Amino acid sequence: MLVSMSAVLLLGLLIWFLLRIRYLRLADLLLCGTFGFLLSRTVAAPVVQALLDCVSGFLGGLRF
């Protein structure tokens, strides 16, 4: 849950930034949000969650 909240926050900030520099239009934002909402209700949702968990585990294991 914590990783998905972090991913949502990060993606939300990225979308806000793209809207600020006028690179992303409101219609694109609504389309992406609708796609994500519908994707979360499909069979692909566990695969996407597993991929996010794997990436976050990898990033968490990096030491600088």
C-alpha atoms as a PDB file:
ATOM      1  CA  MET A   1       0.000   0.000   0.000  1.00  0.00           C
ATOM      2  CA  LEU A   2       2.816   2.383   0.860  1.00  0.00           C
ATOM      3  CA  VAL A   3       4.541   1.834  -2.486  1.00  0.00           C
ATOM      4  CA  SER A   4       1.362   2.412  -4.475  1.00  0.00           C
ATOM      5  CA  MET A   5       0.702   5.632  -2.536  1.00  0.00           C
ATOM      6  CA  SER A   6       4.246   6.783  -3.298  1.00  0.00           C
ATOM      7  CA  ALA A   7       3.802   5.904  -6.967  1.00  0.00           C
ATOM      8  CA  VAL A   8       0.494   7.776  -7.086  1.00  0.00           C
ATOM      9  CA  LEU A   9       2.104  10.821  -5.471  1.00  0.00           C
ATOM     10  CA  LEU A  10       5.082  10.717  -7.835  1.00  0.00           C
ATOM     11  CA  LEU A  11       2.904  10.297 -10.929  1.00  0.00           C
ATOM     12  CA  GLY A  12       0.561  13.003  -9.693  1.00  0.00           C
ATOM     13  CA  LEU A  13       3.462  15.422  -9.320  1.00  0.00           C
ATOM     14  CA  LEU A  14       4.715  14.503 -12.786  1.00  0.00           C
ATOM     15  CA  ILE A  15       1.265  15.149 -14.277  1.00  0.00           C
ATOM     16  CA  TRP A  16       1.028  18.469 -12.413  1.00  0.00           C
ATOM     17  CA  PHE A  17       4.444  19.491 -13.757  1.00  0.00           C
ATOM     18  CA  LEU A  18       3.501  18.541 -17.318  1.00  0.00           C
ATOM     19  CA  LEU A  19       0.302  20.543 -17.000  1.00  0.00           C
ATOM     20  CA  ARG A  20       2.255  23.558 -15.696  1.00  0.00           C
ATOM     21  CA  ILE A  21       4.622  23.600 -18.654  1.00  0.00           C
ATOM     22  CA  ARG A  22       1.660  23.103 -21.006  1.00  0.00           C
ATOM     23  CA  TYR A  23       3.022  19.816 -22.340  1.00  0.00           C
ATOM     24  CA  LEU A  24       0.017  17.788 -21.179  1.00  0.00           C
ATOM     25  CA  ARG A  25      -3.494  18.907 -21.986  1.00  0.00           C
ATOM     26  CA  LEU A  26      -6.503  18.300 -19.764  1.00  0.00           C
ATOM     27  CA  ALA A  27      -7.993  15.818 -22.244  1.00  0.00           C
ATOM     28  CA  ASP A  28      -4.779  13.753 -22.057  1.00  0.00           C
ATOM     29  CA  LEU A  29      -4.963  13.825 -18.278  1.00  0.00           C
ATOM     30  CA  LEU A  30      -8.551  12.586 -18.271  1.00  0.00           C
ATOM     31  CA  LEU A  31      -7.747   9.866 -20.794  1.00  0.00           C
ATOM     32  CA  CYS A  32      -4.766   8.631 -18.742  1.00  0.00           C
ATOM     33  CA  GLY A  33      -6.790   8.677 -15.530  1.00  0.00           C
ATOM     34  CA  THR A  34      -9.660   6.767 -17.090  1.00  0.00           C
ATOM     35  CA  PHE A  35      -7.267   4.214 -18.560  1.00  0.00           C
ATOM     36  CA  GLY A  36      -5.597   3.677 -15.179  1.00  0.00           C
ATOM     37  CA  PHE A  37      -8.940   3.343 -13.430  1.00  0.00           C
ATOM     38  CA  LEU A  38     -10.155   0.765 -15.942  1.00  0.00           C
ATOM     39  CA  LEU A  39      -6.821  -1.078 -15.915  1.00  0.00           C
ATOM     40  CA  SER A  40      -7.044  -1.506 -12.153  1.00  0.00           C
ATOM     41  CA  ARG A  41     -10.225  -3.530 -12.621  1.00  0.00           C
ATOM     42  CA  THR A  42      -8.783  -5.986 -15.160  1.00  0.00           C
ATOM     43  CA  VAL A  43      -6.791  -9.195 -14.952  1.00  0.00           C
ATOM     44  CA  ALA A  44      -3.654  -7.154 -15.656  1.00  0.00           C
ATOM     45  CA  ALA A  45      -3.858  -5.355 -12.298  1.00  0.00           C
ATOM     46  CA  PRO A  46      -1.923  -8.044 -10.326  1.00  0.00           C
ATOM     47  CA  VAL A  47       0.777  -8.095 -13.013  1.00  0.00           C
ATOM     48  CA  VAL A  48       1.140  -4.310 -12.866  1.00  0.00           C
ATOM     49  CA  GLN A  49       1.245  -4.435  -9.057  1.00  0.00           C
ATOM     50  CA  ALA A  50       3.889  -7.173  -9.121  1.00  0.00           C
ATOM     51  CA  LEU A  51       5.968  -5.130 -11.562  1.00  0.00           C
ATOM     52  CA  LEU A  52       5.713  -2.052  -9.335  1.00  0.00           C
ATOM     53  CA  ASP A  53       6.681  -4.117  -6.290  1.00  0.00           C
ATOM     54  CA  CYS A  54       9.668  -5.549  -8.155  1.00  0.00           C
ATOM     55  CA  VAL A  55      10.867  -2.140  -9.309  1.00  0.00           C
ATOM     56  CA  SER A  56      10.403  -0.623  -5.862  1.00  0.00           C
ATOM     57  CA  GLY A  57      12.296  -3.528  -4.288  1.00  0.00           C
ATOM     58  CA  PHE A  58      15.136  -3.006  -6.731  1.00  0.00           C
ATOM     59  CA  LEU A  59      15.241   0.744  -6.124  1.00  0.00           C
ATOM     60  CA  GLY A  60      15.024   0.187  -2.384  1.00  0.00           C
ATOM     61  CA  GLY A  61      18.020  -2.111  -2.526  1.00  0.00           C
ATOM     62  CA  LEU A  62      20.263   0.413  -4.247  1.00  0.00           C
ATOM     63  CA  ARG A  63      22.896   2.013  -2.081  1.00  0.00           C
ATOM     64  CA  PHE A  64      24.614   5.213  -3.148  1.00  0.00           C
END
